[in-house]
Amino acid sequence: MTLSTKSMASVLIATSLTLSIAGCAKNAVTGENNFLLVGTDWDLGIGRQQYAPLRQMQGGDYTADPDVEAYVREVGIKLAKQSDVALPYEFNVINSSVPNAWALPGGKISINRGLLTKMNSEAELAAVLGHEIIHAASRHGARGQSKGIVAQVGVVAATVAGSKEGYGQLAQLGATIGAQLITTKYGRDAELESDLYGMEYMKRAGYDVQGAVDLQRTFVALSEGRQQDFLSGLFSSHPPSQSRVSANIATAQRLGTGGTVGKDRYARVMSRLRKTEPAYEKFEEAQKAFAEGNSAQAKTLVDQAIRIEPRDGHFYSLLGDIAGKNKQWKTAKRNYDKAISMNDDLFYYYLQRGKVFQQTNNINAAKADYEKSMQLLPTEDAQLGLADVARVSGDTATANRLYTALAQGDSEAAAYARQQLGGSNAGSAPVAGTSTASVSAAEFNRTPGKFLRVRHGRGPDGDLAVELSNTTSFTIDNIVLEYRFGNATSGQQSRIGGSVAAGRKRLINTGTRLSESQLNRLTVYVRSARRVGS
């Protein structure tokens, strides 16, 4: 049975959670009324659903020295206890050299390894974490969403700015408002508010608020020196300024200095990080050499990095990439095994080992690794691997379903998926573009999603919008779409009235208001369609 677009709105709303509408709400931190179109459930949902994937995209958690993350958590929890808003706060250290820290709605806070090495005391660390806690407690992300700063139109590929290690460069699956939230530049008022109340939290927790002044002075000096790492990381979303230094000085005078500074303890905890900084410099040089096709130089540099820091899985993973490029499958697998033994919670290691298993015809092992990678972070590469494995295993229905889902985009994986749906086994994937009129009616009817591509996201009015792109040279009508949430194997079907002309696009407003969590879990398929004139 199919439904009209209007009926579809009621079905989608009835089968999943609706977006909370709050209007004006009192800010528990400042006491002021703020314009908000999303309720606190939105904050909690975004934090819960986006926190782990965003950390994955930026390199995963830092595990070489567990004491570092334990220390950051200790300081973070101490500050969170002073918060005016009870949130499920979490604190993690990301294994990235980019100097950055960010907060997601719902109290999910991360700081990068690369920023920790630039600070000099526990008080400075408390200043960063206190600032991020205010962003979450004061609902700056929700306020930005309500003003349309991070409104989505269509599905945005998730690439986090400044992801120097490159894990975020793989094409992600689904809408990623979390990535936009942590890279959106905060306004002057939000930054000053976070500085002010973050310092008050510091004072309540017993820290010397002079740490916030010192930290902001350091950031201004670095920004004036045009430090590229900072420009692509922290400063892109948290711009420093002399006015923020002056405001922090005034706040420190009002609150009074004195309290925990913690220089010695901070130095002790960060000693391994500082000692191993050259290893990460070698690693980044190795990545560059590998990207430029110089595998021998890349391997030499990674070996040097491992001699300095033998506990980081990233280094062994790159050795696996180098060996895989040279089709040295045993060596590649051994290095991915080593990487996983050091951090068994990063999608990339499983994805790459799955490719090795696939190359060596260990299909069951490949499938297991691709599935694990997808659990940690859904990517086109992993889904394509699962489709290939299903095809090789004779599970044509699953293979076609996965290829059809991938075929909607414009990436290399999408082009390859369309090639597989077309039944070609040629070595190179076809270029995405307009199909010819020679497409048979039988081929079109078998895989309409190969020719009529669909994207979904938020339309200008905030409702669910579906964009249909006709890549053929003929008109298409009698279109039936299927909407699925999460990992469902079937969903609700809806018939779209009218047609899509050859080579044209059509935007359909469904009239359905979905929350961000719903939008993230929704997939839209072309179930069936008719070639006009066939």
Protein backbone atom coordinates (compact mmCIF):
# COMPACT_ATOMS: atom_id res chain seq x y z
CA MET A 1 0.00 0.00 0.00
CA THR A 2 1.26 3.51 -0.78
CA LEU A 3 0.36 6.84 0.80
CA SER A 4 0.14 10.39 -0.49
CA THR A 5 2.81 12.87 0.63
CA LYS A 6 0.28 14.50 2.94
CA SER A 7 -0.57 11.17 4.56
CA MET A 8 3.13 10.40 4.81
CA ALA A 9 3.56 13.32 7.20
CA SER A 10 1.21 11.82 9.76
CA VAL A 11 2.74 8.35 9.42
CA LEU A 12 6.31 9.55 10.00
CA ILE A 13 5.28 11.62 12.97
CA ALA A 14 3.23 8.79 14.44
CA THR A 15 6.04 6.25 14.09
CA SER A 16 8.83 8.30 15.67
CA LEU A 17 9.55 11.10 18.13
CA THR A 18 8.47 14.60 17.20
CA LEU A 19 10.55 17.74 17.50
CA SER A 20 10.07 19.60 20.76
CA ILE A 21 9.03 23.21 20.34
CA ALA A 22 9.99 25.46 23.22
CA GLY A 23 9.76 29.12 22.09
CA CYS A 24 11.43 31.38 24.62
CA ALA A 25 13.15 29.61 27.50
CA LYS A 26 14.97 30.81 30.60
CA ASN A 27 18.73 30.30 30.52
CA ALA A 28 19.60 28.48 33.76
CA VAL A 29 23.14 29.88 33.64
CA THR A 30 22.45 33.58 32.99
CA GLY A 31 18.85 33.88 34.12
CA GLU A 32 17.94 35.55 30.82
CA ASN A 33 15.25 34.50 28.38
CA ASN A 34 16.61 33.04 25.11
CA PHE A 35 14.82 32.41 21.83
CA LEU A 36 14.71 28.62 21.38
CA LEU A 37 12.75 26.51 18.92
CA VAL A 38 14.06 23.20 20.24
CA GLY A 39 13.59 21.70 23.66
CA THR A 40 16.14 20.07 25.95
CA ASP A 41 15.37 16.68 24.43
CA TRP A 42 17.03 17.98 21.26
CA ASP A 43 20.24 18.76 23.17
CA LEU A 44 20.31 15.39 24.88
CA GLY A 45 19.54 13.54 21.64
CA ILE A 46 22.24 15.31 19.64
CA GLY A 47 24.83 14.69 22.33
CA ARG A 48 23.91 11.05 22.75
CA GLN A 49 23.83 10.26 19.02
CA GLN A 50 26.64 12.42 17.66
CA TYR A 51 29.34 12.35 20.33
CA ALA A 52 30.90 8.96 19.57
CA PRO A 53 30.78 9.36 15.74
CA LEU A 54 32.38 12.81 15.89
CA ARG A 55 35.24 11.51 18.02
CA GLN A 56 35.69 8.66 15.54
CA MET A 57 35.88 11.12 12.65
CA GLN A 58 38.66 13.07 14.29
CA GLY A 59 40.95 10.18 15.15
CA GLY A 60 39.27 8.43 18.06
CA ASP A 61 40.20 8.67 21.71
CA TYR A 62 43.80 9.02 22.83
CA THR A 63 44.78 5.70 24.44
CA ALA A 64 48.59 5.68 24.48
CA ASP A 65 48.59 7.11 28.02
CA PRO A 66 45.25 6.46 29.80
CA ASP A 67 46.30 8.71 32.70
CA VAL A 68 45.84 11.76 30.47
CA GLU A 69 42.15 11.17 29.78
CA ALA A 70 41.55 10.15 33.41
CA TYR A 71 43.06 13.47 34.52
CA VAL A 72 40.95 15.50 32.07
CA ARG A 73 37.84 13.69 33.27
CA GLU A 74 38.73 14.40 36.88
CA VAL A 75 39.08 18.14 36.23
CA GLY A 76 35.98 18.17 34.03
CA ILE A 77 33.77 16.42 36.57
CA LYS A 78 35.00 18.77 39.31
CA LEU A 79 33.83 21.72 37.19
CA ALA A 80 30.62 20.02 36.05
CA LYS A 81 29.57 19.67 39.68
CA GLN A 82 29.40 23.48 39.77
CA SER A 83 27.10 23.62 36.75
CA ASP A 84 23.68 25.23 37.01
CA VAL A 85 22.34 22.57 34.65
CA ALA A 86 22.35 18.85 35.42
CA LEU A 87 23.53 17.18 32.22
CA PRO A 88 25.12 13.77 31.52
CA TYR A 89 28.55 15.36 31.15
CA GLU A 90 31.32 13.37 29.48
CA PHE A 91 34.95 14.33 28.88
CA ASN A 92 37.29 12.70 26.39
CA VAL A 93 40.70 13.33 24.83
CA ILE A 94 40.83 12.96 21.04
CA ASN A 95 43.96 11.59 19.40
CA SER A 96 44.52 14.54 17.08
CA SER A 97 47.38 17.02 16.83
CA VAL A 98 45.01 19.85 15.91
CA PRO A 99 44.77 22.20 18.93
CA ASN A 100 41.02 22.15 19.57
CA ALA A 101 38.26 21.61 22.11
CA TRP A 102 34.52 21.48 21.58
CA ALA A 103 31.21 20.83 23.27
CA LEU A 104 28.12 19.19 21.86
CA PRO A 105 24.66 19.94 23.26
CA GLY A 106 23.87 17.68 26.18
CA GLY A 107 27.25 18.12 27.91
CA LYS A 108 29.51 16.06 25.64
CA ILE A 109 32.97 17.66 25.70
CA SER A 110 36.23 16.74 23.99
CA ILE A 111 39.69 18.24 23.99
CA ASN A 112 42.42 17.27 21.54
CA ARG A 113 45.83 15.92 22.41
CA GLY A 114 47.24 18.82 20.39
CA LEU A 115 45.73 21.45 22.69
CA LEU A 116 46.82 19.76 25.91
CA THR A 117 50.48 20.15 24.93
CA LYS A 118 50.01 23.91 24.47
CA MET A 119 48.80 24.58 28.02
CA ASN A 120 50.87 24.94 31.19
CA SER A 121 48.66 24.29 34.19
CA GLU A 122 45.59 22.57 35.55
CA ALA A 123 43.98 25.99 35.93
CA GLU A 124 44.37 26.61 32.20
CA LEU A 125 42.83 23.21 31.49
CA ALA A 126 39.98 24.13 33.85
CA ALA A 127 39.50 27.37 31.91
CA VAL A 128 39.06 25.45 28.63
CA LEU A 129 36.72 22.84 30.10
CA GLY A 130 34.72 25.42 32.06
CA HIS A 131 34.26 27.43 28.88
CA GLU A 132 32.99 24.35 27.02
CA ILE A 133 30.67 23.39 29.89
CA ILE A 134 28.99 26.79 29.57
CA HIS A 135 28.50 26.30 25.83
CA ALA A 136 26.53 23.15 26.72
CA ALA A 137 24.76 24.40 29.85
CA SER A 138 23.80 27.72 28.27
CA ARG A 139 22.52 25.83 25.18
CA HIS A 140 24.53 27.79 22.63
CA GLY A 141 24.14 25.00 20.07
CA ALA A 142 20.36 25.02 20.46
CA ARG A 143 20.30 28.81 20.23
CA GLY A 144 22.31 28.64 17.02
CA GLN A 145 19.96 25.99 15.65
CA SER A 146 16.96 28.15 16.47
CA LYS A 147 18.49 31.09 14.61
CA GLY A 148 19.13 28.90 11.59
CA ILE A 149 22.93 29.09 11.86
CA VAL A 150 23.31 25.34 11.36
CA ALA A 151 20.10 24.59 9.47
CA GLN A 152 20.56 21.81 6.94
CA VAL A 153 19.39 21.75 3.34
CA GLY A 154 20.09 18.30 1.90
CA VAL A 155 22.47 15.74 3.33
CA VAL A 156 25.89 17.14 4.17
CA ALA A 157 28.97 14.94 3.92
CA ALA A 158 30.60 14.89 7.33
CA THR A 159 34.09 16.31 7.20
CA VAL A 160 35.24 18.02 10.37
CA ALA A 161 37.43 21.02 9.65
CA GLY A 162 40.96 20.54 10.85
CA SER A 163 40.81 16.76 10.92
CA LYS A 164 44.49 16.58 10.21
CA GLU A 165 44.75 12.82 10.57
CA GLY A 166 42.22 12.47 7.75
CA TYR A 167 39.73 10.08 9.38
CA GLY A 168 36.92 12.57 8.79
CA GLN A 169 37.68 12.70 5.09
CA LEU A 170 35.94 9.40 4.36
CA ALA A 171 32.45 9.91 2.99
CA GLN A 172 30.01 9.54 5.87
CA LEU A 173 26.47 8.22 5.65
CA GLY A 174 23.56 10.33 6.86
CA ALA A 175 22.97 13.87 8.02
CA THR A 176 25.58 15.24 10.41
CA ILE A 177 24.37 18.28 12.27
CA GLY A 178 26.85 17.44 15.05
CA ALA A 179 29.78 18.14 12.72
CA GLN A 180 28.28 21.51 11.84
CA LEU A 181 27.66 22.38 15.49
CA ILE A 182 31.27 21.87 16.57
CA THR A 183 32.72 23.79 13.61
CA THR A 184 30.26 26.70 13.59
CA LYS A 185 31.86 29.95 14.72
CA TYR A 186 30.33 31.13 17.96
CA GLY A 187 29.23 34.76 18.19
CA ARG A 188 30.97 37.33 20.36
CA ASP A 189 28.24 37.24 23.01
CA ALA A 190 28.38 33.44 23.32
CA GLU A 191 32.16 33.50 23.73
CA LEU A 192 32.10 36.25 26.35
CA GLU A 193 29.28 34.47 28.18
CA SER A 194 31.25 31.21 28.23
CA ASP A 195 34.39 32.99 29.43
CA LEU A 196 32.51 34.81 32.22
CA TYR A 197 30.50 31.95 33.65
CA GLY A 198 33.26 29.43 32.98
CA MET A 199 35.49 31.50 35.27
CA GLU A 200 32.75 31.53 37.91
CA TYR A 201 32.64 27.72 37.74
CA MET A 202 36.44 27.70 38.07
CA LYS A 203 36.23 29.84 41.20
CA ARG A 204 33.54 27.64 42.76
CA ALA A 205 35.67 24.56 42.04
CA GLY A 206 38.68 26.12 43.77
CA TYR A 207 40.81 27.07 40.74
CA ASP A 208 42.80 30.25 40.28
CA VAL A 209 40.87 32.20 37.63
CA GLN A 210 44.10 33.87 36.54
CA GLY A 211 44.51 30.69 34.48
CA ALA A 212 41.72 31.89 32.18
CA VAL A 213 43.46 35.23 31.70
CA ASP A 214 46.81 33.58 30.96
CA LEU A 215 45.23 31.13 28.54
CA GLN A 216 43.41 33.84 26.59
CA ARG A 217 46.62 35.88 26.35
CA THR A 218 48.39 32.84 24.92
CA PHE A 219 45.62 32.33 22.37
CA VAL A 220 45.76 35.97 21.26
CA ALA A 221 49.55 35.75 20.80
CA LEU A 222 49.17 32.56 18.77
CA SER A 223 46.42 34.05 16.61
CA GLU A 224 48.53 37.13 15.90
CA GLY A 225 51.34 34.81 14.88
CA ARG A 226 48.89 33.13 12.48
CA GLN A 227 49.55 29.67 13.89
CA GLN A 228 47.96 27.46 11.22
CA ASP A 229 47.12 24.61 13.55
CA PHE A 230 45.12 26.92 15.78
CA LEU A 231 43.51 28.72 12.85
CA SER A 232 42.12 25.40 11.56
CA GLY A 233 41.22 24.16 15.01
CA LEU A 234 40.17 26.07 18.11
CA PHE A 235 40.26 29.56 16.65
CA SER A 236 37.94 28.67 13.76
CA SER A 237 35.05 28.21 16.21
CA HIS A 238 36.37 30.10 19.29
CA PRO A 239 38.02 33.28 17.93
CA PRO A 240 40.32 34.93 20.52
CA SER A 241 40.50 38.69 20.89
CA GLN A 242 42.02 41.37 23.08
CA SER A 243 38.49 42.26 24.23
CA ARG A 244 38.14 38.75 25.65
CA VAL A 245 41.44 39.18 27.51
CA SER A 246 40.23 42.48 28.94
CA ALA A 247 36.90 40.96 29.96
CA ASN A 248 38.67 38.05 31.67
CA ILE A 249 40.94 40.47 33.56
CA ALA A 250 37.88 42.36 34.82
CA THR A 251 36.18 39.12 35.84
CA ALA A 252 39.32 37.93 37.66
CA GLN A 253 39.48 41.23 39.58
CA ARG A 254 35.84 40.86 40.60
CA LEU A 255 36.13 37.19 41.62
CA GLY A 256 39.57 37.49 43.19
CA THR A 257 42.57 35.39 42.30
CA GLY A 258 44.01 32.56 44.35
CA GLY A 259 43.29 28.87 44.34
CA THR A 260 44.66 25.80 42.58
CA VAL A 261 47.07 26.48 39.72
CA GLY A 262 48.48 22.98 39.39
CA LYS A 263 51.52 23.58 37.21
CA ASP A 264 53.59 20.74 38.65
CA ARG A 265 50.83 18.14 38.50
CA TYR A 266 49.87 19.18 34.98
CA ALA A 267 53.48 18.84 33.86
CA ARG A 268 53.73 15.35 35.40
CA VAL A 269 50.54 14.06 33.77
CA MET A 270 51.42 15.55 30.38
CA SER A 271 55.06 14.46 30.44
CA ARG A 272 54.55 11.53 28.05
CA LEU A 273 52.50 13.67 25.66
CA ARG A 274 55.21 16.30 25.54
CA LYS A 275 57.98 13.73 25.22
CA THR A 276 56.24 12.03 22.31
CA GLU A 277 55.28 15.18 20.36
CA PRO A 278 58.10 14.53 17.83
CA ALA A 279 56.52 11.15 17.07
CA TYR A 280 53.31 12.81 15.90
CA GLU A 281 55.30 15.28 13.83
CA LYS A 282 56.99 12.32 12.11
CA PHE A 283 53.60 10.67 11.66
CA GLU A 284 52.15 13.73 9.93
CA GLU A 285 55.19 13.92 7.65
CA ALA A 286 54.69 10.22 6.87
CA GLN A 287 51.03 10.79 5.99
CA LYS A 288 52.02 13.54 3.60
CA ALA A 289 54.71 11.40 1.98
CA PHE A 290 52.27 8.50 1.59
CA ALA A 291 49.62 10.76 0.06
CA GLU A 292 52.23 11.95 -2.44
CA GLY A 293 53.04 8.35 -3.41
CA ASN A 294 56.35 8.01 -1.57
CA SER A 295 55.72 4.80 0.38
CA ALA A 296 59.37 4.19 1.23
CA GLN A 297 59.83 7.59 2.85
CA ALA A 298 56.49 7.24 4.63
CA LYS A 299 57.53 3.90 6.14
CA THR A 300 60.86 5.31 7.30
CA LEU A 301 59.11 8.19 9.04
CA VAL A 302 56.51 5.94 10.70
CA ASP A 303 59.25 3.62 11.96
CA GLN A 304 60.92 6.67 13.52
CA ALA A 305 57.61 7.68 15.13
CA ILE A 306 57.15 4.21 16.61
CA ARG A 307 60.61 4.30 18.17
CA ILE A 308 59.54 7.44 20.04
CA GLU A 309 55.95 6.34 20.84
CA PRO A 310 55.35 2.59 20.45
CA ARG A 311 51.84 2.65 21.91
CA ASP A 312 49.82 4.52 19.27
CA GLY A 313 47.65 2.47 16.92
CA HIS A 314 47.59 5.23 14.29
CA PHE A 315 51.23 4.55 13.47
CA TYR A 316 50.69 0.83 12.87
CA SER A 317 47.54 1.56 10.90
CA LEU A 318 49.55 3.73 8.52
CA LEU A 319 52.08 0.92 8.14
CA GLY A 320 49.11 -1.28 7.24
CA ASP A 321 47.99 1.24 4.63
CA ILE A 322 51.47 1.35 3.14
CA ALA A 323 51.70 -2.46 2.99
CA GLY A 324 48.19 -2.72 1.53
CA LYS A 325 49.00 -0.27 -1.23
CA ASN A 326 51.89 -2.55 -2.17
CA LYS A 327 49.63 -5.64 -1.90
CA GLN A 328 51.63 -7.03 1.00
CA TRP A 329 48.51 -8.43 2.61
CA LYS A 330 50.10 -10.41 5.45
CA THR A 331 52.13 -7.40 6.55
CA ALA A 332 49.08 -5.15 6.27
CA LYS A 333 46.96 -7.48 8.40
CA ARG A 334 49.69 -7.82 11.03
CA ASN A 335 49.87 -4.04 11.39
CA TYR A 336 46.09 -3.58 11.56
CA ASP A 337 45.99 -6.34 14.20
CA LYS A 338 48.58 -4.38 16.17
CA ALA A 339 46.61 -1.16 15.82
CA ILE A 340 43.42 -2.85 17.04
CA SER A 341 45.26 -4.36 20.00
CA MET A 342 46.13 -0.79 21.06
CA ASN A 343 42.69 0.69 20.41
CA ASP A 344 39.86 -1.70 19.64
CA ASP A 345 37.34 1.12 19.32
CA LEU A 346 38.32 2.96 16.11
CA PHE A 347 36.34 2.37 12.93
CA TYR A 348 39.25 2.92 10.54
CA TYR A 349 41.35 -0.01 11.73
CA TYR A 350 38.47 -2.46 11.17
CA LEU A 351 37.57 -0.90 7.83
CA GLN A 352 41.10 -1.28 6.50
CA ARG A 353 41.56 -4.80 7.85
CA GLY A 354 38.21 -5.72 6.30
CA LYS A 355 39.59 -4.65 2.92
CA VAL A 356 42.60 -6.92 3.45
CA PHE A 357 40.35 -9.85 4.32
CA GLN A 358 38.28 -9.15 1.21
CA GLN A 359 41.39 -9.07 -0.97
CA THR A 360 42.51 -12.42 0.44
CA ASN A 361 39.03 -13.99 0.03
CA ASN A 362 38.38 -14.34 3.74
CA ILE A 363 34.78 -13.23 3.21
CA ASN A 364 33.40 -14.00 6.68
CA ALA A 365 36.21 -12.08 8.38
CA ALA A 366 35.77 -9.18 5.94
CA LYS A 367 32.06 -9.02 6.70
CA ALA A 368 32.68 -9.02 10.46
CA ASP A 369 35.19 -6.17 10.21
CA TYR A 370 33.00 -4.09 7.90
CA GLU A 371 30.06 -4.54 10.27
CA LYS A 372 32.18 -3.53 13.26
CA SER A 373 33.42 -0.47 11.37
CA MET A 374 29.83 0.50 10.49
CA GLN A 375 28.80 0.17 14.13
CA LEU A 376 31.51 2.61 15.15
CA LEU A 377 31.03 5.04 12.25
CA PRO A 378 28.90 4.40 9.15
CA THR A 379 30.91 5.15 6.01
CA GLU A 380 30.41 4.60 2.30
CA ASP A 381 33.59 2.50 2.18
CA ALA A 382 32.30 0.03 4.77
CA GLN A 383 28.84 -0.16 3.24
CA LEU A 384 30.38 -0.75 -0.18
CA GLY A 385 32.51 -3.52 1.32
CA LEU A 386 29.41 -5.16 2.79
CA ALA A 387 27.67 -4.91 -0.58
CA ASP A 388 30.62 -6.54 -2.34
CA VAL A 389 30.80 -9.28 0.27
CA ALA A 390 27.08 -9.96 -0.11
CA ARG A 391 27.44 -10.14 -3.90
CA VAL A 392 30.36 -12.57 -3.70
CA SER A 393 28.42 -14.67 -1.17
CA GLY A 394 25.46 -14.92 -3.54
CA ASP A 395 23.18 -12.72 -1.43
CA THR A 396 21.99 -10.64 -4.39
CA ALA A 397 19.05 -9.06 -2.58
CA THR A 398 21.25 -7.62 0.18
CA ALA A 399 23.92 -6.56 -2.30
CA ASN A 400 21.40 -4.72 -4.48
CA ARG A 401 19.80 -3.04 -1.48
CA LEU A 402 23.18 -1.72 -0.30
CA TYR A 403 24.30 -0.71 -3.79
CA THR A 404 20.99 1.10 -4.35
CA ALA A 405 21.40 3.08 -1.13
CA LEU A 406 24.94 4.08 -2.15
CA ALA A 407 24.02 4.86 -5.76
CA GLN A 408 22.09 7.99 -4.81
CA GLY A 409 25.21 10.16 -4.38
CA ASP A 410 27.94 11.62 -6.55
CA SER A 411 31.00 10.01 -4.96
CA GLU A 412 33.29 7.36 -6.45
CA ALA A 413 31.55 4.78 -4.26
CA ALA A 414 28.19 5.86 -5.68
CA ALA A 415 29.46 5.56 -9.25
CA TYR A 416 30.86 2.09 -8.49
CA ALA A 417 27.53 1.08 -6.91
CA ARG A 418 25.66 2.18 -10.04
CA GLN A 419 28.10 0.15 -12.11
CA GLN A 420 27.36 -2.96 -10.04
CA LEU A 421 23.62 -2.41 -10.32
CA GLY A 422 24.07 -2.18 -14.07
CA GLY A 423 25.67 -5.62 -14.08
CA SER A 424 29.08 -4.50 -15.31
CA ASN A 425 32.22 -5.95 -13.81
CA ALA A 426 34.62 -3.57 -15.54
CA GLY A 427 37.55 -2.43 -13.47
CA SER A 428 36.82 1.29 -13.52
CA ALA A 429 33.65 2.90 -12.21
CA PRO A 430 31.57 4.98 -14.61
CA VAL A 431 31.52 8.75 -14.21
CA ALA A 432 28.34 10.03 -12.57
CA GLY A 433 26.19 11.90 -15.04
CA THR A 434 23.23 11.68 -17.33
CA SER A 435 22.29 8.23 -18.59
CA THR A 436 21.42 7.67 -22.24
CA ALA A 437 18.11 6.84 -23.82
CA SER A 438 19.43 3.36 -24.57
CA VAL A 439 18.57 2.26 -21.04
CA SER A 440 16.09 -0.57 -21.44
CA ALA A 441 12.72 -0.53 -19.71
CA ALA A 442 13.65 -3.80 -17.97
CA GLU A 443 16.90 -2.36 -16.59
CA PHE A 444 15.14 0.79 -15.42
CA ASN A 445 12.35 -1.15 -13.73
CA ARG A 446 14.87 -3.44 -12.01
CA THR A 447 16.97 -0.60 -10.49
CA PRO A 448 15.14 2.75 -10.76
CA GLY A 449 17.28 4.20 -7.95
CA LYS A 450 20.29 3.93 -10.24
CA PHE A 451 18.77 6.52 -12.56
CA LEU A 452 16.49 8.55 -10.28
CA ARG A 453 18.65 9.66 -7.38
CA VAL A 454 17.25 10.87 -4.10
CA ARG A 455 18.61 13.02 -1.30
CA HIS A 456 16.81 14.20 1.80
CA GLY A 457 17.27 16.84 4.42
CA ARG A 458 15.62 19.93 5.83
CA GLY A 459 13.84 22.28 3.48
CA PRO A 460 13.76 26.09 3.89
CA ASP A 461 10.73 25.84 6.20
CA GLY A 462 12.37 23.19 8.39
CA ASP A 463 10.24 20.29 7.16
CA LEU A 464 11.61 17.09 5.65
CA ALA A 465 12.41 17.74 1.98
CA VAL A 466 13.26 15.14 -0.66
CA GLU A 467 15.20 16.05 -3.80
CA LEU A 468 14.76 13.81 -6.86
CA SER A 469 17.36 14.01 -9.66
CA ASN A 470 16.55 12.45 -13.03
CA THR A 471 19.88 11.49 -14.61
CA THR A 472 18.28 10.02 -17.73
CA SER A 473 17.23 11.50 -21.04
CA PHE A 474 13.57 10.56 -20.52
CA THR A 475 10.79 11.67 -18.17
CA ILE A 476 10.07 9.57 -15.07
CA ASP A 477 6.71 9.34 -13.29
CA ASN A 478 4.68 6.96 -11.05
CA ILE A 479 7.41 7.40 -8.42
CA VAL A 480 7.11 5.48 -5.16
CA LEU A 481 9.53 6.29 -2.34
CA GLU A 482 10.22 4.18 0.73
CA TYR A 483 11.17 5.73 4.08
CA ARG A 484 13.15 3.62 6.56
CA PHE A 485 14.42 4.49 10.03
CA GLY A 486 17.63 3.05 11.43
CA ASN A 487 18.46 -0.49 10.36
CA ALA A 488 14.90 -1.42 9.38
CA THR A 489 14.69 -3.75 6.38
CA SER A 490 11.39 -2.25 5.24
CA GLY A 491 9.54 1.00 5.68
CA GLN A 492 6.58 3.16 4.75
CA GLN A 493 5.95 3.75 1.06
CA SER A 494 4.66 6.98 -0.45
CA ARG A 495 3.56 7.71 -4.03
CA ILE A 496 4.78 11.01 -5.46
CA GLY A 497 2.39 12.76 -7.82
CA GLY A 498 3.59 14.23 -11.10
CA SER A 499 6.86 13.51 -12.87
CA VAL A 500 10.53 14.53 -13.10
CA ALA A 501 11.65 15.69 -16.53
CA ALA A 502 14.80 14.39 -18.21
CA GLY A 503 17.96 15.80 -16.67
CA ARG A 504 15.99 17.85 -14.14
CA LYS A 505 15.63 17.96 -10.37
CA ARG A 506 12.52 18.26 -8.28
CA LEU A 507 12.27 19.27 -4.61
CA ILE A 508 9.37 17.80 -2.65
CA ASN A 509 8.31 19.22 0.69
CA THR A 510 6.73 16.37 2.63
CA GLY A 511 5.15 18.61 5.26
CA THR A 512 6.74 16.41 7.93
CA ARG A 513 8.68 17.92 10.83
CA LEU A 514 11.40 15.56 12.07
CA SER A 515 13.85 15.95 14.92
CA GLU A 516 17.56 15.83 14.17
CA SER A 517 17.79 12.31 15.61
CA GLN A 518 15.03 11.17 13.26
CA LEU A 519 16.66 12.87 10.29
CA ASN A 520 19.95 11.17 11.10
CA ARG A 521 18.28 7.73 11.13
CA LEU A 522 16.15 8.19 8.02
CA THR A 523 16.98 6.67 4.62
CA VAL A 524 14.86 7.32 1.55
CA TYR A 525 14.85 4.83 -1.34
CA VAL A 526 13.26 4.85 -4.78
CA ARG A 527 11.02 1.82 -4.52
CA SER A 528 9.62 1.96 -8.05
CA ALA A 529 9.08 4.37 -10.92
CA ARG A 530 8.03 4.37 -14.56
CA ARG A 531 9.90 5.45 -17.63
CA VAL A 532 7.47 7.57 -19.65
CA GLY A 533 7.01 6.19 -23.13
CA SER A 534 8.11 2.66 -22.24
